[in-house]
Amino acid sequence: MVYQGFEFDISRARLGKARVSHFVRDRISLAMHGFVLKVIDLAVVHTTAEVQLYSEQFQVPPAKLSFIPYFHYGTDPEAVRTNEAGNEVRVLAIGRHRDFDCFIAANRSSSWKNVIVAGDSDRKALPSTLPANFLASFEVSREEYRDQILRATVVVLPFYEHRWQRALGHIAMFEAMLKKKPIVAARSFQLRDYATDDEVLYYRAGDAADLRQQLERLLTDKSLRDRLITNAYERLTREFTREQYISRLLEVCHIACDEKSADRQPVRLRETESLASAKACETAGVAASHSLSPTSCDFKA
């Protein structure tokens, strides 16, 4: 059985004052994720760091986890609209579970408009009154989400340094890259596999002064913006496509199927059965798990 997109926020496994009220919930979630990881054959994760994080946390061999980079949604015409930013400078921080306190501290005295687009849980964590140069929206539609990126001058991904320790932020980054927006992001493991300093301008996670410095640097240097945008778009469309993702996912599913078949039965499958099984896997498109039967793969999205 292959589990596609396994993730668990490792910071929830560490009891702290802020998490006491959620202790029981977090312990149950930890136990459930640990059980799943032990009974499946392989878990697909979307950052290389998660291989080590989950291996250590759940005491399973690293070989039981496989990193496959995620993909962009560029086949959707709405996703690739570009160049709709106006003359007004708009700095957009977008996504769930972001360090918006750092973003606010960095831009409280800025001359540009700052926009936050976040989830409902983030609304509860934000101050009840924002500075005058800030706007905030929560739980927006996909259309508005993309429209906010289109209208942005710069997109900021303010990750926490020690919270939300799992894959995070890839879709927001990919959407910004597709729309050819320069990106400033906290330097964290979440984006390490997808963007280097040649594609994204990084700042020290949690450091508001460094974030402000990098924003000012980007907003005043057109050549830097153009270079980052070009490099990011080219790498995104070259390395992180839906077709590449499906191909890599099918490959690990077929390997897992082959290993399970070798473990569970001494008789080799007839060639026609193996071919039929492989074709069934490929026809399914995006895969999530395969059955324990050595002659078939059962996929779900």
Protein backbone atom coordinates (compact mmCIF):
# COMPACT_ATOMS: atom_id res chain seq x y z
CA MET A 1 0.00 0.00 0.00
CA VAL A 2 1.35 3.40 -1.02
CA TYR A 3 0.17 6.52 0.81
CA GLN A 4 0.34 9.62 -1.36
CA GLY A 5 1.01 12.94 0.37
CA PHE A 6 1.71 11.69 3.91
CA GLU A 7 2.17 14.63 6.26
CA PHE A 8 2.16 15.36 9.97
CA ASP A 9 3.10 18.58 11.73
CA ILE A 10 6.05 17.41 13.82
CA SER A 11 5.76 20.47 16.07
CA ARG A 12 2.47 19.01 17.38
CA ALA A 13 4.44 16.12 18.85
CA ARG A 14 6.32 18.53 21.11
CA LEU A 15 4.28 19.55 24.13
CA GLY A 16 4.53 23.25 24.91
CA LYS A 17 2.45 25.81 26.77
CA ALA A 18 0.64 26.86 23.61
CA ARG A 19 -0.39 23.27 22.90
CA VAL A 20 -1.56 22.07 26.34
CA SER A 21 -5.25 22.54 25.51
CA HIS A 22 -4.78 20.38 22.42
CA PHE A 23 -2.72 17.68 24.10
CA VAL A 24 -5.25 14.85 23.76
CA ARG A 25 -6.06 15.69 20.15
CA ASP A 26 -2.40 15.86 19.22
CA ARG A 27 -1.57 12.57 20.98
CA ILE A 28 -4.39 10.81 19.12
CA SER A 29 -3.29 12.28 15.79
CA LEU A 30 0.31 11.28 16.48
CA ALA A 31 -0.70 7.71 17.30
CA MET A 32 -2.91 7.42 14.21
CA HIS A 33 -0.22 8.73 11.87
CA GLY A 34 2.34 6.42 13.45
CA PHE A 35 0.05 3.42 13.00
CA VAL A 36 -0.62 4.27 9.35
CA LEU A 37 3.07 4.70 8.62
CA LYS A 38 3.89 1.31 10.12
CA VAL A 39 1.22 -0.69 8.26
CA ILE A 40 1.66 0.78 4.77
CA ASP A 41 4.45 -0.23 2.42
CA LEU A 42 5.56 3.25 1.37
CA ALA A 43 4.68 6.87 2.13
CA VAL A 44 5.15 9.62 -0.46
CA VAL A 45 6.21 12.99 0.98
CA HIS A 46 6.77 16.31 -0.74
CA THR A 47 9.99 17.53 0.92
CA THR A 48 13.25 15.68 1.45
CA ALA A 49 13.39 16.89 5.06
CA GLU A 50 10.20 15.00 5.89
CA VAL A 51 11.93 11.69 5.17
CA GLN A 52 14.25 12.20 8.13
CA LEU A 53 11.68 13.99 10.31
CA TYR A 54 9.10 11.20 10.06
CA SER A 55 11.67 8.41 10.20
CA GLU A 56 12.94 9.72 13.54
CA GLN A 57 9.54 10.67 14.96
CA PHE A 58 7.76 7.41 14.09
CA GLN A 59 10.76 5.07 14.32
CA VAL A 60 10.50 3.66 10.79
CA PRO A 61 13.29 3.10 8.24
CA PRO A 62 13.92 6.10 5.93
CA ALA A 63 13.42 3.70 3.00
CA LYS A 64 9.73 3.56 3.92
CA LEU A 65 9.39 7.20 2.85
CA SER A 66 9.87 8.47 -0.69
CA PHE A 67 10.23 12.12 -1.73
CA ILE A 68 8.37 13.12 -4.89
CA PRO A 69 8.25 16.84 -5.76
CA TYR A 70 4.76 18.29 -6.07
CA PHE A 71 3.47 19.88 -9.29
CA HIS A 72 2.01 23.17 -10.51
CA TYR A 73 -1.50 23.62 -11.91
CA GLY A 74 -0.42 25.38 -15.07
CA THR A 75 -2.80 23.42 -17.31
CA ASP A 76 -5.62 25.57 -15.92
CA PRO A 77 -5.93 28.72 -18.11
CA GLU A 78 -6.92 30.76 -15.06
CA ALA A 79 -3.68 29.79 -13.34
CA VAL A 80 -1.40 31.27 -15.99
CA ARG A 81 -2.85 34.78 -16.37
CA THR A 82 -0.06 37.28 -15.80
CA ASN A 83 0.88 40.96 -15.71
CA GLU A 84 -2.24 42.41 -14.13
CA ALA A 85 -0.58 44.33 -11.30
CA GLY A 86 -1.43 48.04 -11.28
CA ASN A 87 0.78 50.99 -10.45
CA GLU A 88 0.08 50.67 -6.73
CA VAL A 89 2.73 48.69 -4.84
CA ARG A 90 1.00 45.76 -3.12
CA VAL A 91 2.93 43.29 -0.98
CA LEU A 92 0.92 40.11 -0.52
CA ALA A 93 1.39 37.51 2.22
CA ILE A 94 -0.70 34.48 1.37
CA GLY A 95 -1.53 31.04 2.69
CA ARG A 96 -2.52 29.17 5.83
CA HIS A 97 -0.37 28.71 8.92
CA ARG A 98 1.96 31.62 8.17
CA ASP A 99 3.93 33.87 10.50
CA PHE A 100 1.80 36.95 9.89
CA ASP A 101 3.07 38.56 13.10
CA CYS A 102 6.51 38.77 11.47
CA PHE A 103 4.96 40.13 8.26
CA ILE A 104 3.07 42.84 10.17
CA ALA A 105 6.11 43.81 12.24
CA ALA A 106 8.23 44.11 9.10
CA ASN A 107 5.78 46.35 7.24
CA ARG A 108 3.99 48.33 9.93
CA SER A 109 5.76 51.54 8.92
CA SER A 110 6.04 50.82 5.18
CA SER A 111 4.75 53.19 2.50
CA TRP A 112 3.20 50.41 0.40
CA LYS A 113 -0.07 48.54 0.81
CA ASN A 114 0.20 45.19 2.60
CA VAL A 115 -2.35 42.46 1.97
CA ILE A 116 -2.95 39.25 3.95
CA VAL A 117 -4.93 36.35 2.48
CA ALA A 118 -5.25 33.52 4.98
CA GLY A 119 -7.39 30.82 6.54
CA ASP A 120 -9.90 31.08 9.34
CA SER A 121 -7.47 29.73 11.94
CA ASP A 122 -5.06 32.55 11.03
CA ARG A 123 -7.83 35.13 11.55
CA LYS A 124 -8.05 34.08 15.20
CA ALA A 125 -4.31 34.54 15.67
CA LEU A 126 -4.13 38.01 14.11
CA PRO A 127 -4.62 41.25 16.06
CA SER A 128 -8.21 42.49 16.11
CA THR A 129 -7.06 45.81 14.62
CA LEU A 130 -4.46 45.91 11.85
CA PRO A 131 -2.27 48.89 10.95
CA ALA A 132 -3.82 51.35 8.48
CA ASN A 133 -1.63 50.15 5.60
CA PHE A 134 -2.89 46.55 5.91
CA LEU A 135 -5.86 44.70 4.44
CA ALA A 136 -6.85 41.12 5.29
CA SER A 137 -9.17 38.53 3.73
CA PHE A 138 -9.93 35.02 4.95
CA GLU A 139 -11.20 31.81 3.38
CA VAL A 140 -11.43 33.37 -0.08
CA SER A 141 -12.50 31.53 -3.23
CA ARG A 142 -9.90 30.15 -5.61
CA GLU A 143 -10.81 32.91 -8.08
CA GLU A 144 -10.15 35.65 -5.53
CA TYR A 145 -7.02 33.86 -4.32
CA ARG A 146 -5.57 33.99 -7.82
CA ASP A 147 -6.81 37.53 -8.38
CA GLN A 148 -4.96 38.70 -5.28
CA ILE A 149 -1.74 37.19 -6.62
CA LEU A 150 -2.31 38.84 -10.00
CA ARG A 151 -2.67 42.24 -8.36
CA ALA A 152 0.41 41.81 -6.16
CA THR A 153 3.76 43.46 -6.80
CA VAL A 154 5.57 40.98 -4.56
CA VAL A 155 4.38 37.74 -2.91
CA VAL A 156 5.65 36.90 0.58
CA LEU A 157 5.63 33.41 2.13
CA PRO A 158 6.34 34.01 5.85
CA PHE A 159 6.88 30.55 7.31
CA TYR A 160 7.50 29.94 10.99
CA GLU A 161 10.91 28.75 12.08
CA HIS A 162 9.73 26.02 14.48
CA ARG A 163 5.97 25.67 13.94
CA TRP A 164 4.10 23.78 11.20
CA GLN A 165 6.94 21.39 10.51
CA ARG A 166 5.53 19.66 7.43
CA ALA A 167 5.20 20.27 3.69
CA LEU A 168 3.66 23.70 3.28
CA GLY A 169 3.42 26.58 0.81
CA HIS A 170 4.17 24.83 -2.48
CA ILE A 171 0.88 25.66 -4.18
CA ALA A 172 1.06 29.34 -3.17
CA MET A 173 4.63 29.56 -4.45
CA PHE A 174 3.77 27.78 -7.70
CA GLU A 175 0.79 30.08 -8.30
CA ALA A 176 3.00 33.14 -7.84
CA MET A 177 5.68 31.73 -10.14
CA LEU A 178 3.11 30.95 -12.85
CA LYS A 179 1.89 34.54 -12.66
CA LYS A 180 5.49 35.76 -12.84
CA LYS A 181 5.56 37.45 -9.47
CA PRO A 182 8.79 37.88 -7.49
CA ILE A 183 8.76 35.96 -4.21
CA VAL A 184 10.25 36.67 -0.80
CA ALA A 185 10.12 33.70 1.57
CA ALA A 186 11.37 32.60 4.96
CA ARG A 187 14.34 30.29 4.58
CA SER A 188 12.94 26.96 5.74
CA PHE A 189 12.90 23.33 4.66
CA GLN A 190 9.46 23.63 3.04
CA LEU A 191 10.78 25.28 -0.13
CA ARG A 192 14.35 23.98 -0.14
CA ASP A 193 13.64 21.31 -2.78
CA TYR A 194 11.80 23.70 -5.08
CA ALA A 195 13.62 27.03 -5.13
CA THR A 196 17.17 28.22 -4.53
CA ASP A 197 18.49 31.76 -4.12
CA ASP A 198 18.36 31.98 -7.92
CA GLU A 199 14.55 31.78 -7.89
CA VAL A 200 13.41 33.19 -4.54
CA LEU A 201 14.72 35.95 -2.29
CA TYR A 202 15.00 34.46 1.20
CA TYR A 203 15.04 36.07 4.64
CA ARG A 204 15.75 34.58 8.06
CA ALA A 205 12.56 33.01 9.41
CA GLY A 206 11.01 35.12 12.16
CA ASP A 207 13.34 38.08 11.53
CA ALA A 208 11.12 41.08 10.71
CA ALA A 209 14.06 43.40 10.10
CA ASP A 210 15.57 41.02 7.55
CA LEU A 211 12.20 40.59 5.83
CA ARG A 212 11.83 44.37 5.54
CA GLN A 213 15.37 44.66 4.17
CA GLN A 214 14.77 42.01 1.49
CA LEU A 215 11.46 43.60 0.47
CA GLU A 216 13.09 47.01 0.05
CA ARG A 217 15.90 45.42 -1.90
CA LEU A 218 13.48 43.67 -4.25
CA LEU A 219 11.18 46.65 -4.74
CA THR A 220 14.07 48.95 -5.70
CA ASP A 221 15.97 46.56 -7.97
CA LYS A 222 14.14 45.76 -11.21
CA SER A 223 16.96 43.62 -12.57
CA LEU A 224 16.80 41.43 -9.46
CA ARG A 225 13.02 41.08 -9.81
CA ASP A 226 13.30 40.16 -13.48
CA ARG A 227 16.05 37.62 -12.85
CA LEU A 228 14.17 35.87 -10.05
CA ILE A 229 10.93 35.80 -12.06
CA THR A 230 12.60 34.35 -15.16
CA ASN A 231 14.57 31.72 -13.27
CA ALA A 232 11.58 30.68 -11.16
CA TYR A 233 9.22 30.34 -14.12
CA GLU A 234 11.72 28.36 -16.18
CA ARG A 235 12.51 25.94 -13.36
CA LEU A 236 8.86 25.51 -12.43
CA THR A 237 7.74 24.64 -15.95
CA ARG A 238 10.78 22.40 -16.49
CA GLU A 239 10.86 20.37 -13.28
CA PHE A 240 7.48 20.44 -11.54
CA THR A 241 4.85 19.40 -14.06
CA ARG A 242 1.81 17.20 -13.53
CA GLU A 243 3.17 14.66 -16.04
CA GLN A 244 6.46 14.34 -14.17
CA TYR A 245 4.63 13.91 -10.88
CA ILE A 246 2.40 11.14 -12.22
CA SER A 247 5.35 9.38 -13.81
CA ARG A 248 7.35 9.43 -10.57
CA LEU A 249 4.33 8.34 -8.56
CA LEU A 250 3.59 5.42 -10.86
CA GLU A 251 7.23 4.38 -10.67
CA VAL A 252 7.25 4.13 -6.87
CA CYS A 253 3.85 2.39 -6.90
CA HIS A 254 5.10 -0.20 -9.40
CA ILE A 255 8.22 -0.78 -7.32
CA ALA A 256 6.11 -1.23 -4.19
CA CYS A 257 3.83 -3.62 -6.09
CA ASP A 258 6.81 -5.63 -7.29
CA GLU A 259 8.31 -5.82 -3.81
CA LYS A 260 5.01 -6.89 -2.29
CA SER A 261 4.55 -9.50 -4.99
CA ALA A 262 8.01 -10.92 -4.31
CA ASP A 263 7.30 -11.05 -0.57
CA ARG A 264 3.83 -12.58 -0.76
CA GLN A 265 3.95 -15.21 -3.50
CA PRO A 266 6.61 -17.56 -4.87
CA VAL A 267 4.93 -17.83 -8.28
CA ARG A 268 5.76 -15.20 -10.89
CA LEU A 269 2.88 -13.32 -12.47
CA ARG A 270 2.13 -14.17 -16.06
CA GLU A 271 3.25 -11.43 -18.41
CA THR A 272 -0.30 -10.60 -19.44
CA GLU A 273 -1.36 -10.13 -15.82
CA SER A 274 1.59 -7.86 -15.06
CA LEU A 275 0.90 -5.78 -18.16
CA ALA A 276 -2.80 -5.48 -17.33
CA SER A 277 -1.94 -4.41 -13.79
CA ALA A 278 0.52 -1.76 -15.01
CA LYS A 279 -1.95 -0.41 -17.54
CA ALA A 280 -4.61 -0.16 -14.85
CA CYS A 281 -2.23 1.87 -12.71
CA GLU A 282 -1.33 4.19 -15.57
CA THR A 283 -4.95 4.69 -16.59
CA ALA A 284 -5.81 5.78 -13.04
CA GLY A 285 -3.75 8.96 -13.38
CA VAL A 286 -2.90 10.42 -9.96
CA ALA A 287 -2.32 7.57 -7.53
CA ALA A 288 -2.60 7.39 -3.79
CA SER A 289 -2.49 3.73 -2.73
CA HIS A 290 -2.34 0.23 -4.13
CA SER A 291 -4.01 -2.90 -2.82
CA LEU A 292 -2.18 -5.74 -1.15
CA SER A 293 -3.21 -8.01 -4.01
CA PRO A 294 -0.09 -8.87 -6.03
CA THR A 295 -2.03 -8.78 -9.29
CA SER A 296 -3.70 -5.38 -9.13
CA CYS A 297 -3.27 -1.77 -8.06
CA ASP A 298 -6.21 0.17 -6.66
CA PHE A 299 -5.68 3.92 -6.87
CA LYS A 300 -7.55 6.84 -5.38
CA ALA A 301 -7.07 10.58 -5.87
